[in-house]
Amino acid sequence: MKLIKSLVVAAAISGLAVTGSLAGDDLVKKGEKIFMTKKLGNCIACHDINGKTLDGPGSMGPKLQYLSAWPEEALYEKVYNPYTTNPISQMPAFGKSGWLSDGEIKAVVAYLKTIN
């Protein structure tokens, strides 16, 4: 079982490396749209972003700042299943629950990496 989990994580990380090297403006824009759109990620409902003016409450979750310094794998895992690092998180497991696809999570990660 550990081997299977390791292989899945390795595949996700290698996919992120490819995404990171190919991440362009289109991927960042797609991620921003998912972040802002109520029927997609709706991240704006809970998160404020450092240095950006947003039209949303952004008061339930932590203020997002300095994410450009985070490893892509950590951001991916936080969106995919936040409970792995914070078992009492109020954030939904967007990937584990199937709310967002792998590609959509990678787009959100590309957008989050633009946040200083």
PDB file of N, CA and C in Angstrom:
ATOM      1  N   MET A   1       0.818  -1.196   0.000  1.00  0.00           N
ATOM      2  CA  MET A   1       0.000   0.000   0.000  1.00  0.00           C
ATOM      3  C   MET A   1       0.863   1.261   0.000  1.00  0.00           C
ATOM      4  N   LYS A   2       1.972   1.220   0.797  1.00  0.00           N
ATOM      5  CA  LYS A   2       2.875   2.370   0.834  1.00  0.00           C
ATOM      6  C   LYS A   2       3.482   2.617  -0.537  1.00  0.00           C
ATOM      7  N   LEU A   3       3.823   1.532  -1.233  1.00  0.00           N
ATOM      8  CA  LEU A   3       4.424   1.648  -2.550  1.00  0.00           C
ATOM      9  C   LEU A   3       3.460   2.321  -3.521  1.00  0.00           C
ATOM     10  N   ILE A   4       2.198   1.931  -3.481  1.00  0.00           N
ATOM     11  CA  ILE A   4       1.195   2.527  -4.372  1.00  0.00           C
ATOM     12  C   ILE A   4       1.037   4.011  -4.070  1.00  0.00           C
ATOM     13  N   LYS A   5       0.957   4.356  -2.784  1.00  0.00           N
ATOM     14  CA  LYS A   5       0.823   5.769  -2.408  1.00  0.00           C
ATOM     15  C   LYS A   5       2.045   6.555  -2.870  1.00  0.00           C
ATOM     16  N   SER A   6       3.229   5.984  -2.715  1.00  0.00           N
ATOM     17  CA  SER A   6       4.456   6.651  -3.142  1.00  0.00           C
ATOM     18  C   SER A   6       4.454   6.879  -4.651  1.00  0.00           C
ATOM     19  N   LEU A   7       3.991   5.892  -5.401  1.00  0.00           N
ATOM     20  CA  LEU A   7       3.931   6.019  -6.858  1.00  0.00           C
ATOM     21  C   LEU A   7       2.935   7.098  -7.281  1.00  0.00           C
ATOM     22  N   VAL A   8       1.798   7.162  -6.602  1.00  0.00           N
ATOM     23  CA  VAL A   8       0.793   8.184  -6.917  1.00  0.00           C
ATOM     24  C   VAL A   8       1.349   9.573  -6.631  1.00  0.00           C
ATOM     25  N   VAL A   9       2.000   9.745  -5.483  1.00  0.00           N
ATOM     26  CA  VAL A   9       2.583  11.040  -5.129  1.00  0.00           C
ATOM     27  C   VAL A   9       3.680  11.405  -6.122  1.00  0.00           C
ATOM     28  N   ALA A  10       4.524  10.444  -6.482  1.00  0.00           N
ATOM     29  CA  ALA A  10       5.594  10.699  -7.448  1.00  0.00           C
ATOM     30  C   ALA A  10       5.027  11.129  -8.802  1.00  0.00           C
ATOM     31  N   ALA A  11       3.948  10.481  -9.225  1.00  0.00           N
ATOM     32  CA  ALA A  11       3.321  10.841 -10.497  1.00  0.00           C
ATOM     33  C   ALA A  11       2.752  12.254 -10.442  1.00  0.00           C
ATOM     34  N   ALA A  12       2.121  12.611  -9.334  1.00  0.00           N
ATOM     35  CA  ALA A  12       1.565  13.956  -9.190  1.00  0.00           C
ATOM     36  C   ALA A  12       2.671  14.995  -9.190  1.00  0.00           C
ATOM     37  N   ILE A  13       3.774  14.705  -8.486  1.00  0.00           N
ATOM     38  CA  ILE A  13       4.890  15.649  -8.421  1.00  0.00           C
ATOM     39  C   ILE A  13       5.542  15.807  -9.784  1.00  0.00           C
ATOM     40  N   SER A  14       5.741  14.704 -10.502  1.00  0.00           N
ATOM     41  CA  SER A  14       6.348  14.819 -11.824  1.00  0.00           C
ATOM     42  C   SER A  14       5.420  15.573 -12.772  1.00  0.00           C
ATOM     43  N   GLY A  15       4.127  15.395 -12.609  1.00  0.00           N
ATOM     44  CA  GLY A  15       3.176  16.163 -13.406  1.00  0.00           C
ATOM     45  C   GLY A  15       3.240  17.630 -13.080  1.00  0.00           C
ATOM     46  N   LEU A  16       3.464  17.951 -11.811  1.00  0.00           N
ATOM     47  CA  LEU A  16       3.618  19.349 -11.411  1.00  0.00           C
ATOM     48  C   LEU A  16       4.881  19.944 -11.988  1.00  0.00           C
ATOM     49  N   ALA A  17       5.958  19.170 -12.049  1.00  0.00           N
ATOM     50  CA  ALA A  17       7.204  19.677 -12.603  1.00  0.00           C
ATOM     51  C   ALA A  17       7.008  20.055 -14.066  1.00  0.00           C
ATOM     52  N   VAL A  18       6.311  19.196 -14.823  1.00  0.00           N
ATOM     53  CA  VAL A  18       6.013  19.513 -16.213  1.00  0.00           C
ATOM     54  C   VAL A  18       5.115  20.735 -16.283  1.00  0.00           C
ATOM     55  N   THR A  19       4.090  20.763 -15.426  1.00  0.00           N
ATOM     56  CA  THR A  19       3.184  21.915 -15.403  1.00  0.00           C
ATOM     57  C   THR A  19       3.954  23.178 -15.082  1.00  0.00           C
ATOM     58  N   GLY A  20       4.857  23.092 -14.106  1.00  0.00           N
ATOM     59  CA  GLY A  20       5.630  24.268 -13.708  1.00  0.00           C
ATOM     60  C   GLY A  20       6.477  24.796 -14.844  1.00  0.00           C
ATOM     61  N   SER A  21       7.072  23.904 -15.620  1.00  0.00           N
ATOM     62  CA  SER A  21       7.920  24.355 -16.709  1.00  0.00           C
ATOM     63  C   SER A  21       7.101  24.872 -17.885  1.00  0.00           C
ATOM     64  N   LEU A  22       5.869  24.441 -18.009  1.00  0.00           N
ATOM     65  CA  LEU A  22       5.021  24.874 -19.110  1.00  0.00           C
ATOM     66  C   LEU A  22       3.992  25.922 -18.696  1.00  0.00           C
ATOM     67  N   ALA A  23       3.953  26.228 -17.392  1.00  0.00           N
ATOM     68  CA  ALA A  23       2.928  27.142 -16.876  1.00  0.00           C
ATOM     69  C   ALA A  23       3.102  28.509 -17.512  1.00  0.00           C
ATOM     70  N   GLY A  24       2.135  28.891 -18.279  1.00  0.00           N
ATOM     71  CA  GLY A  24       2.157  30.192 -18.919  1.00  0.00           C
ATOM     72  C   GLY A  24       0.999  31.020 -18.433  1.00  0.00           C
ATOM     73  N   ASP A  25       0.832  32.140 -19.097  1.00  0.00           N
ATOM     74  CA  ASP A  25      -0.248  33.044 -18.725  1.00  0.00           C
ATOM     75  C   ASP A  25      -1.617  32.382 -18.805  1.00  0.00           C
ATOM     76  N   ASP A  26      -1.815  31.497 -19.776  1.00  0.00           N
ATOM     77  CA  ASP A  26      -3.118  30.841 -19.922  1.00  0.00           C
ATOM     78  C   ASP A  26      -3.453  29.975 -18.707  1.00  0.00           C
ATOM     79  N   LEU A  27      -2.470  29.234 -18.214  1.00  0.00           N
ATOM     80  CA  LEU A  27      -2.700  28.378 -17.053  1.00  0.00           C
ATOM     81  C   LEU A  27      -2.972  29.223 -15.809  1.00  0.00           C
ATOM     82  N   VAL A  28      -2.218  30.298 -15.657  1.00  0.00           N
ATOM     83  CA  VAL A  28      -2.423  31.201 -14.513  1.00  0.00           C
ATOM     84  C   VAL A  28      -3.811  31.834 -14.591  1.00  0.00           C
ATOM     85  N   LYS A  29      -4.219  32.261 -15.773  1.00  0.00           N
ATOM     86  CA  LYS A  29      -5.551  32.860 -15.940  1.00  0.00           C
ATOM     87  C   LYS A  29      -6.656  31.846 -15.647  1.00  0.00           C
ATOM     88  N   LYS A  30      -6.455  30.606 -16.085  1.00  0.00           N
ATOM     89  CA  LYS A  30      -7.440  29.558 -15.796  1.00  0.00           C
ATOM     90  C   LYS A  30      -7.522  29.339 -14.288  1.00  0.00           C
ATOM     91  N   GLY A  31      -6.382  29.305 -13.622  1.00  0.00           N
ATOM     92  CA  GLY A  31      -6.361  29.136 -12.170  1.00  0.00           C
ATOM     93  C   GLY A  31      -7.032  30.284 -11.440  1.00  0.00           C
ATOM     94  N   GLU A  32      -6.803  31.490 -11.921  1.00  0.00           N
ATOM     95  CA  GLU A  32      -7.442  32.655 -11.308  1.00  0.00           C
ATOM     96  C   GLU A  32      -8.956  32.581 -11.467  1.00  0.00           C
ATOM     97  N   LYS A  33      -9.412  32.140 -12.646  1.00  0.00           N
ATOM     98  CA  LYS A  33     -10.855  32.005 -12.879  1.00  0.00           C
ATOM     99  C   LYS A  33     -11.462  30.972 -11.925  1.00  0.00           C
ATOM    100  N   ILE A  34     -10.782  29.849 -11.751  1.00  0.00           N
ATOM    101  CA  ILE A  34     -11.267  28.818 -10.826  1.00  0.00           C
ATOM    102  C   ILE A  34     -11.311  29.378  -9.413  1.00  0.00           C
ATOM    103  N   PHE A  35     -10.259  30.099  -9.024  1.00  0.00           N
ATOM    104  CA  PHE A  35     -10.175  30.706  -7.696  1.00  0.00           C
ATOM    105  C   PHE A  35     -11.352  31.646  -7.441  1.00  0.00           C
ATOM    106  N   MET A  36     -11.727  32.423  -8.460  1.00  0.00           N
ATOM    107  CA  MET A  36     -12.735  33.474  -8.303  1.00  0.00           C
ATOM    108  C   MET A  36     -14.171  33.025  -8.559  1.00  0.00           C
ATOM    109  N   THR A  37     -14.371  31.911  -9.254  1.00  0.00           N
ATOM    110  CA  THR A  37     -15.703  31.515  -9.699  1.00  0.00           C
ATOM    111  C   THR A  37     -16.417  30.665  -8.655  1.00  0.00           C
ATOM    112  N   LYS A  38     -17.613  31.091  -8.304  1.00  0.00           N
ATOM    113  CA  LYS A  38     -18.384  30.435  -7.252  1.00  0.00           C
ATOM    114  C   LYS A  38     -18.648  28.958  -7.532  1.00  0.00           C
ATOM    115  N   LYS A  39     -18.963  28.600  -8.766  1.00  0.00           N
ATOM    116  CA  LYS A  39     -19.303  27.205  -9.071  1.00  0.00           C
ATOM    117  C   LYS A  39     -18.075  26.345  -9.360  1.00  0.00           C
ATOM    118  N   LEU A  40     -16.881  26.917  -9.258  1.00  0.00           N
ATOM    119  CA  LEU A  40     -15.659  26.134  -9.458  1.00  0.00           C
ATOM    120  C   LEU A  40     -14.955  26.001  -8.116  1.00  0.00           C
ATOM    121  N   GLY A  41     -13.865  26.723  -7.914  1.00  0.00           N
ATOM    122  CA  GLY A  41     -13.137  26.632  -6.658  1.00  0.00           C
ATOM    123  C   GLY A  41     -13.753  27.475  -5.562  1.00  0.00           C
ATOM    124  N   ASN A  42     -14.209  28.663  -5.932  1.00  0.00           N
ATOM    125  CA  ASN A  42     -14.813  29.606  -4.989  1.00  0.00           C
ATOM    126  C   ASN A  42     -13.890  29.890  -3.803  1.00  0.00           C
ATOM    127  N   CYS A  43     -12.599  29.918  -4.056  1.00  0.00           N
ATOM    128  CA  CYS A  43     -11.615  30.167  -2.999  1.00  0.00           C
ATOM    129  C   CYS A  43     -11.806  31.552  -2.385  1.00  0.00           C
ATOM    130  N   ILE A  44     -12.279  32.483  -3.200  1.00  0.00           N
ATOM    131  CA  ILE A  44     -12.481  33.856  -2.760  1.00  0.00           C
ATOM    132  C   ILE A  44     -13.519  33.956  -1.633  1.00  0.00           C
ATOM    133  N   ALA A  45     -14.349  32.946  -1.488  1.00  0.00           N
ATOM    134  CA  ALA A  45     -15.345  32.964  -0.418  1.00  0.00           C
ATOM    135  C   ALA A  45     -14.677  32.937   0.950  1.00  0.00           C
ATOM    136  N   CYS A  46     -13.495  32.356   1.019  1.00  0.00           N
ATOM    137  CA  CYS A  46     -12.819  32.211   2.318  1.00  0.00           C
ATOM    138  C   CYS A  46     -11.463  32.905   2.406  1.00  0.00           C
ATOM    139  N   HIS A  47     -10.818  33.143   1.274  1.00  0.00           N
ATOM    140  CA  HIS A  47      -9.451  33.649   1.300  1.00  0.00           C
ATOM    141  C   HIS A  47      -9.324  35.044   0.704  1.00  0.00           C
ATOM    142  N   ASP A  48      -8.549  35.872   1.377  1.00  0.00           N
ATOM    143  CA  ASP A  48      -8.101  37.167   0.888  1.00  0.00           C
ATOM    144  C   ASP A  48      -6.682  36.948   0.362  1.00  0.00           C
ATOM    145  N   ILE A  49      -6.270  37.753  -0.594  1.00  0.00           N
ATOM    146  CA  ILE A  49      -4.933  37.614  -1.160  1.00  0.00           C
ATOM    147  C   ILE A  49      -4.135  38.860  -0.850  1.00  0.00           C
ATOM    148  N   ASN A  50      -2.940  38.662  -0.356  1.00  0.00           N
ATOM    149  CA  ASN A  50      -2.044  39.758  -0.048  1.00  0.00           C
ATOM    150  C   ASN A  50      -1.787  40.610  -1.293  1.00  0.00           C
ATOM    151  N   GLY A  51      -2.050  41.894  -1.187  1.00  0.00           N
ATOM    152  CA  GLY A  51      -1.726  42.825  -2.257  1.00  0.00           C
ATOM    153  C   GLY A  51      -2.692  42.867  -3.415  1.00  0.00           C
ATOM    154  N   LYS A  52      -3.796  42.152  -3.355  1.00  0.00           N
ATOM    155  CA  LYS A  52      -4.762  42.171  -4.460  1.00  0.00           C
ATOM    156  C   LYS A  52      -6.127  42.583  -3.935  1.00  0.00           C
ATOM    157  N   THR A  53      -6.802  43.402  -4.714  1.00  0.00           N
ATOM    158  CA  THR A  53      -8.151  43.799  -4.365  1.00  0.00           C
ATOM    159  C   THR A  53      -9.110  42.766  -4.936  1.00  0.00           C
ATOM    160  N   LEU A  54      -9.896  42.158  -4.058  1.00  0.00           N
ATOM    161  CA  LEU A  54     -10.816  41.114  -4.472  1.00  0.00           C
ATOM    162  C   LEU A  54     -12.239  41.492  -4.088  1.00  0.00           C
ATOM    163  N   ASP A  55     -13.173  41.007  -4.868  1.00  0.00           N
ATOM    164  CA  ASP A  55     -14.580  41.230  -4.585  1.00  0.00           C
ATOM    165  C   ASP A  55     -15.147  39.979  -3.927  1.00  0.00           C
ATOM    166  N   GLY A  56     -14.899  39.834  -2.638  1.00  0.00           N
ATOM    167  CA  GLY A  56     -15.379  38.670  -1.913  1.00  0.00           C
ATOM    168  C   GLY A  56     -15.110  38.829  -0.430  1.00  0.00           C
ATOM    169  N   PRO A  57     -15.745  38.014   0.384  1.00  0.00           N
ATOM    170  CA  PRO A  57     -15.610  38.167   1.827  1.00  0.00           C
ATOM    171  C   PRO A  57     -14.207  37.867   2.344  1.00  0.00           C
ATOM    172  N   GLY A  58     -13.617  36.759   1.941  1.00  0.00           N
ATOM    173  CA  GLY A  58     -12.247  36.435   2.281  1.00  0.00           C
ATOM    174  C   GLY A  58     -11.873  36.498   3.746  1.00  0.00           C
ATOM    175  N   SER A  59     -12.803  36.142   4.618  1.00  0.00           N
ATOM    176  CA  SER A  59     -12.506  36.296   6.039  1.00  0.00           C
ATOM    177  C   SER A  59     -12.490  34.980   6.820  1.00  0.00           C
ATOM    178  N   MET A  60     -12.921  33.892   6.230  1.00  0.00           N
ATOM    179  CA  MET A  60     -12.995  32.621   6.963  1.00  0.00           C
ATOM    180  C   MET A  60     -11.655  31.899   6.990  1.00  0.00           C
ATOM    181  N   GLY A  61     -10.966  31.871   5.881  1.00  0.00           N
ATOM    182  CA  GLY A  61      -9.689  31.177   5.791  1.00  0.00           C
ATOM    183  C   GLY A  61      -8.537  32.140   5.973  1.00  0.00           C
ATOM    184  N   PRO A  62      -7.316  31.609   6.024  1.00  0.00           N
ATOM    185  CA  PRO A  62      -6.164  32.482   6.189  1.00  0.00           C
ATOM    186  C   PRO A  62      -5.923  33.356   4.962  1.00  0.00           C
ATOM    187  N   LYS A  63      -5.326  34.515   5.205  1.00  0.00           N
ATOM    188  CA  LYS A  63      -4.933  35.407   4.119  1.00  0.00           C
ATOM    189  C   LYS A  63      -3.821  34.712   3.342  1.00  0.00           C
ATOM    190  N   LEU A  64      -3.951  34.661   2.034  1.00  0.00           N
ATOM    191  CA  LEU A  64      -2.959  33.995   1.202  1.00  0.00           C
ATOM    192  C   LEU A  64      -1.852  34.984   0.848  1.00  0.00           C
ATOM    193  N   GLN A  65      -0.647  34.668   1.286  1.00  0.00           N
ATOM    194  CA  GLN A  65       0.494  35.523   1.000  1.00  0.00           C
ATOM    195  C   GLN A  65       1.769  34.683   0.944  1.00  0.00           C
ATOM    196  N   TYR A  66       2.740  35.163   0.187  1.00  0.00           N
ATOM    197  CA  TYR A  66       4.039  34.506   0.052  1.00  0.00           C
ATOM    198  C   TYR A  66       3.953  33.098  -0.533  1.00  0.00           C
ATOM    199  N   LEU A  67       2.902  32.819  -1.281  1.00  0.00           N
ATOM    200  CA  LEU A  67       2.753  31.471  -1.842  1.00  0.00           C
ATOM    201  C   LEU A  67       3.738  31.205  -2.975  1.00  0.00           C
ATOM    202  N   SER A  68       4.314  32.255  -3.548  1.00  0.00           N
ATOM    203  CA  SER A  68       5.306  32.052  -4.606  1.00  0.00           C
ATOM    204  C   SER A  68       6.527  31.303  -4.069  1.00  0.00           C
ATOM    205  N   ALA A  69       6.743  31.346  -2.769  1.00  0.00           N
ATOM    206  CA  ALA A  69       7.873  30.657  -2.148  1.00  0.00           C
ATOM    207  C   ALA A  69       7.550  29.198  -1.789  1.00  0.00           C
ATOM    208  N   TRP A  70       6.296  28.821  -1.825  1.00  0.00           N
ATOM    209  CA  TRP A  70       5.895  27.443  -1.474  1.00  0.00           C
ATOM    210  C   TRP A  70       6.258  26.494  -2.612  1.00  0.00           C
ATOM    211  N   PRO A  71       6.638  25.271  -2.295  1.00  0.00           N
ATOM    212  CA  PRO A  71       6.820  24.257  -3.349  1.00  0.00           C
ATOM    213  C   PRO A  71       5.464  23.933  -3.997  1.00  0.00           C
ATOM    214  N   GLU A  72       5.491  23.698  -5.290  1.00  0.00           N
ATOM    215  CA  GLU A  72       4.257  23.385  -6.012  1.00  0.00           C
ATOM    216  C   GLU A  72       3.571  22.150  -5.439  1.00  0.00           C
ATOM    217  N   GLU A  73       4.373  21.163  -5.027  1.00  0.00           N
ATOM    218  CA  GLU A  73       3.797  19.923  -4.492  1.00  0.00           C
ATOM    219  C   GLU A  73       2.980  20.207  -3.233  1.00  0.00           C
ATOM    220  N   ALA A  74       3.482  21.105  -2.388  1.00  0.00           N
ATOM    221  CA  ALA A  74       2.789  21.434  -1.137  1.00  0.00           C
ATOM    222  C   ALA A  74       1.471  22.154  -1.422  1.00  0.00           C
ATOM    223  N   LEU A  75       1.487  23.062  -2.388  1.00  0.00           N
ATOM    224  CA  LEU A  75       0.250  23.762  -2.757  1.00  0.00           C
ATOM    225  C   LEU A  75      -0.752  22.782  -3.363  1.00  0.00           C
ATOM    226  N   TYR A  76      -0.267  21.899  -4.222  1.00  0.00           N
ATOM    227  CA  TYR A  76      -1.147  20.907  -4.845  1.00  0.00           C
ATOM    228  C   TYR A  76      -1.814  20.063  -3.765  1.00  0.00           C
ATOM    229  N   GLU A  77      -1.013  19.558  -2.836  1.00  0.00           N
ATOM    230  CA  GLU A  77      -1.546  18.697  -1.775  1.00  0.00           C
ATOM    231  C   GLU A  77      -2.530  19.457  -0.897  1.00  0.00           C
ATOM    232  N   LYS A  78      -2.267  20.736  -0.636  1.00  0.00           N
ATOM    233  CA  LYS A  78      -3.152  21.557   0.204  1.00  0.00           C
ATOM    234  C   LYS A  78      -4.517  21.718  -0.459  1.00  0.00           C
ATOM    235  N   VAL A  79      -4.552  21.871  -1.775  1.00  0.00           N
ATOM    236  CA  VAL A  79      -5.824  21.998  -2.488  1.00  0.00           C
ATOM    237  C   VAL A  79      -6.468  20.625  -2.665  1.00  0.00           C
ATOM    238  N   TYR A  80      -5.665  19.626  -3.003  1.00  0.00           N
ATOM    239  CA  TYR A  80      -6.198  18.290  -3.240  1.00  0.00           C
ATOM    240  C   TYR A  80      -6.844  17.728  -1.971  1.00  0.00           C
ATOM    241  N   ASN A  81      -6.114  17.791  -0.852  1.00  0.00           N
ATOM    242  CA  ASN A  81      -6.629  17.251   0.407  1.00  0.00           C
ATOM    243  C   ASN A  81      -5.952  17.953   1.582  1.00  0.00           C
ATOM    244  N   PRO A  82      -6.515  19.059   2.053  1.00  0.00           N
ATOM    245  CA  PRO A  82      -5.879  19.823   3.130  1.00  0.00           C
ATOM    246  C   PRO A  82      -5.778  19.059   4.451  1.00  0.00           C
ATOM    247  N   TYR A  83      -6.545  17.989   4.591  1.00  0.00           N
ATOM    248  CA  TYR A  83      -6.560  17.248   5.849  1.00  0.00           C
ATOM    249  C   TYR A  83      -5.279  16.454   6.094  1.00  0.00           C
ATOM    250  N   THR A  84      -4.461  16.264   5.055  1.00  0.00           N
ATOM    251  CA  THR A  84      -3.216  15.526   5.261  1.00  0.00           C
ATOM    252  C   THR A  84      -2.242  16.323   6.126  1.00  0.00           C
ATOM    253  N   THR A  85      -2.296  17.645   6.052  1.00  0.00           N
ATOM    254  CA  THR A  85      -1.405  18.478   6.870  1.00  0.00           C
ATOM    255  C   THR A  85      -2.143  19.179   8.005  1.00  0.00           C
ATOM    256  N   ASN A  86      -3.471  19.254   7.910  1.00  0.00           N
ATOM    257  CA  ASN A  86      -4.258  19.917   8.951  1.00  0.00           C
ATOM    258  C   ASN A  86      -5.571  19.155   9.120  1.00  0.00           C
ATOM    259  N   PRO A  87      -5.608  18.187  10.023  1.00  0.00           N
ATOM    260  CA  PRO A  87      -6.799  17.329  10.159  1.00  0.00           C
ATOM    261  C   PRO A  87      -8.069  18.066  10.580  1.00  0.00           C
ATOM    262  N   ILE A  88      -7.961  19.277  11.079  1.00  0.00           N
ATOM    263  CA  ILE A  88      -9.165  20.022  11.496  1.00  0.00           C
ATOM    264  C   ILE A  88      -9.475  21.178  10.532  1.00  0.00           C
ATOM    265  N   SER A  89      -8.901  21.128   9.337  1.00  0.00           N
ATOM    266  CA  SER A  89      -9.126  22.170   8.349  1.00  0.00           C
ATOM    267  C   SER A  89     -10.612  22.274   7.994  1.00  0.00           C
ATOM    268  N   GLN A  90     -11.064  23.480   7.747  1.00  0.00           N
ATOM    269  CA  GLN A  90     -12.433  23.703   7.287  1.00  0.00           C
ATOM    270  C   GLN A  90     -12.507  23.746   5.761  1.00  0.00           C
ATOM    271  N   MET A  91     -11.339  23.731   5.113  1.00  0.00           N
ATOM    272  CA  MET A  91     -11.284  23.784   3.654  1.00  0.00           C
ATOM    273  C   MET A  91     -11.686  22.436   3.067  1.00  0.00           C
ATOM    274  N   PRO A  92     -12.515  22.448   2.041  1.00  0.00           N
ATOM    275  CA  PRO A  92     -12.889  21.176   1.399  1.00  0.00           C
ATOM    276  C   PRO A  92     -11.694  20.532   0.696  1.00  0.00           C
ATOM    277  N   ALA A  93     -11.709  19.242   0.585  1.00  0.00           N
ATOM    278  CA  ALA A  93     -10.686  18.498  -0.171  1.00  0.00           C
ATOM    279  C   ALA A  93     -11.112  18.515  -1.634  1.00  0.00           C
ATOM    280  N   PHE A  94     -10.712  19.556  -2.355  1.00  0.00           N
ATOM    281  CA  PHE A  94     -11.208  19.781  -3.713  1.00  0.00           C
ATOM    282  C   PHE A  94     -10.861  18.650  -4.680  1.00  0.00           C
ATOM    283  N   GLY A  95      -9.692  18.063  -4.550  1.00  0.00           N
ATOM    284  CA  GLY A  95      -9.312  16.967  -5.445  1.00  0.00           C
ATOM    285  C   GLY A  95      -9.835  15.635  -4.981  1.00  0.00           C
ATOM    286  N   LYS A  96      -9.657  15.349  -3.722  1.00  0.00           N
ATOM    287  CA  LYS A  96     -10.082  14.056  -3.174  1.00  0.00           C
ATOM    288  C   LYS A  96     -11.588  13.865  -3.327  1.00  0.00           C
ATOM    289  N   SER A  97     -12.341  14.951  -3.197  1.00  0.00           N
ATOM    290  CA  SER A  97     -13.797  14.865  -3.321  1.00  0.00           C
ATOM    291  C   SER A  97     -14.261  14.857  -4.778  1.00  0.00           C
ATOM    292  N   GLY A  98     -13.334  15.154  -5.708  1.00  0.00           N
ATOM    293  CA  GLY A  98     -13.704  15.204  -7.114  1.00  0.00           C
ATOM    294  C   GLY A  98     -14.274  16.541  -7.555  1.00  0.00           C
ATOM    295  N   TRP A  99     -14.262  17.532  -6.679  1.00  0.00           N
ATOM    296  CA  TRP A  99     -14.805  18.854  -7.011  1.00  0.00           C
ATOM    297  C   TRP A  99     -13.988  19.483  -8.140  1.00  0.00           C
ATOM    298  N   LEU A 100     -12.643  19.379  -8.037  1.00  0.00           N
ATOM    299  CA  LEU A 100     -11.760  19.895  -9.088  1.00  0.00           C
ATOM    300  C   LEU A 100     -10.939  18.750  -9.669  1.00  0.00           C
ATOM    301  N   SER A 101     -10.696  18.809 -10.964  1.00  0.00           N
ATOM    302  CA  SER A 101      -9.876  17.795 -11.634  1.00  0.00           C
ATOM    303  C   SER A 101      -8.395  18.078 -11.378  1.00  0.00           C
ATOM    304  N   ASP A 102      -7.571  17.130 -11.746  1.00  0.00           N
ATOM    305  CA  ASP A 102      -6.125  17.283 -11.623  1.00  0.00           C
ATOM    306  C   ASP A 102      -5.652  18.528 -12.378  1.00  0.00           C
ATOM    307  N   GLY A 103      -6.133  18.711 -13.595  1.00  0.00           N
ATOM    308  CA  GLY A 103      -5.750  19.878 -14.401  1.00  0.00           C
ATOM    309  C   GLY A 103      -6.208  21.184 -13.791  1.00  0.00           C
ATOM    310  N   GLU A 104      -7.397  21.185 -13.205  1.00  0.00           N
ATOM    311  CA  GLU A 104      -7.898  22.398 -12.559  1.00  0.00           C
ATOM    312  C   GLU A 104      -7.077  22.741 -11.314  1.00  0.00           C
ATOM    313  N   ILE A 105      -6.690  21.722 -10.563  1.00  0.00           N
ATOM    314  CA  ILE A 105      -5.855  21.969  -9.380  1.00  0.00           C
ATOM    315  C   ILE A 105      -4.490  22.506  -9.811  1.00  0.00           C
ATOM    316  N   LYS A 106      -3.924  21.955 -10.867  1.00  0.00           N
ATOM    317  CA  LYS A 106      -2.637  22.450 -11.368  1.00  0.00           C
ATOM    318  C   LYS A 106      -2.755  23.902 -11.823  1.00  0.00           C
ATOM    319  N   ALA A 107      -3.887  24.275 -12.402  1.00  0.00           N
ATOM    320  CA  ALA A 107      -4.097  25.671 -12.802  1.00  0.00           C
ATOM    321  C   ALA A 107      -4.187  26.566 -11.569  1.00  0.00           C
ATOM    322  N   VAL A 108      -4.900  26.122 -10.545  1.00  0.00           N
ATOM    323  CA  VAL A 108      -4.995  26.895  -9.302  1.00  0.00           C
ATOM    324  C   VAL A 108      -3.607  27.059  -8.692  1.00  0.00           C
ATOM    325  N   VAL A 109      -2.817  25.997  -8.706  1.00  0.00           N
ATOM    326  CA  VAL A 109      -1.447  26.070  -8.176  1.00  0.00           C
ATOM    327  C   VAL A 109      -0.621  27.091  -8.966  1.00  0.00           C
ATOM    328  N   ALA A 110      -0.754  27.085 -10.283  1.00  0.00           N
ATOM    329  CA  ALA A 110      -0.025  28.062 -11.110  1.00  0.00           C
ATOM    330  C   ALA A 110      -0.431  29.484 -10.718  1.00  0.00           C
ATOM    331  N   TYR A 111      -1.710  29.710 -10.464  1.00  0.00           N
ATOM    332  CA  TYR A 111      -2.179  31.026 -10.018  1.00  0.00           C
ATOM    333  C   TYR A 111      -1.650  31.344  -8.621  1.00  0.00           C
ATOM    334  N   LEU A 112      -1.730  30.382  -7.710  1.00  0.00           N
ATOM    335  CA  LEU A 112      -1.262  30.624  -6.334  1.00  0.00           C
ATOM    336  C   LEU A 112       0.223  30.966  -6.305  1.00  0.00           C
ATOM    337  N   LYS A 113       1.004  30.391  -7.222  1.00  0.00           N
ATOM    338  CA  LYS A 113       2.436  30.675  -7.285  1.00  0.00           C
ATOM    339  C   LYS A 113       2.727  32.126  -7.671  1.00  0.00           C
ATOM    340  N   THR A 114       1.722  32.860  -8.155  1.00  0.00           N
ATOM    341  CA  THR A 114       1.924  34.284  -8.504  1.00  0.00           C
ATOM    342  C   THR A 114       1.703  35.196  -7.306  1.00  0.00           C
ATOM    343  N   ILE A 115       1.284  34.641  -6.188  1.00  0.00           N
ATOM    344  CA  ILE A 115       0.951  35.450  -5.018  1.00  0.00           C
ATOM    345  C   ILE A 115       2.188  35.652  -4.145  1.00  0.00           C
ATOM    346  N   ASN A 116       2.560  36.899  -3.981  1.00  0.00           N
ATOM    347  CA  ASN A 116       3.721  37.249  -3.151  1.00  0.00           C
ATOM    348  C   ASN A 116       3.310  37.679  -1.767  1.00  0.00           C
TER     349      ASN A 116
END
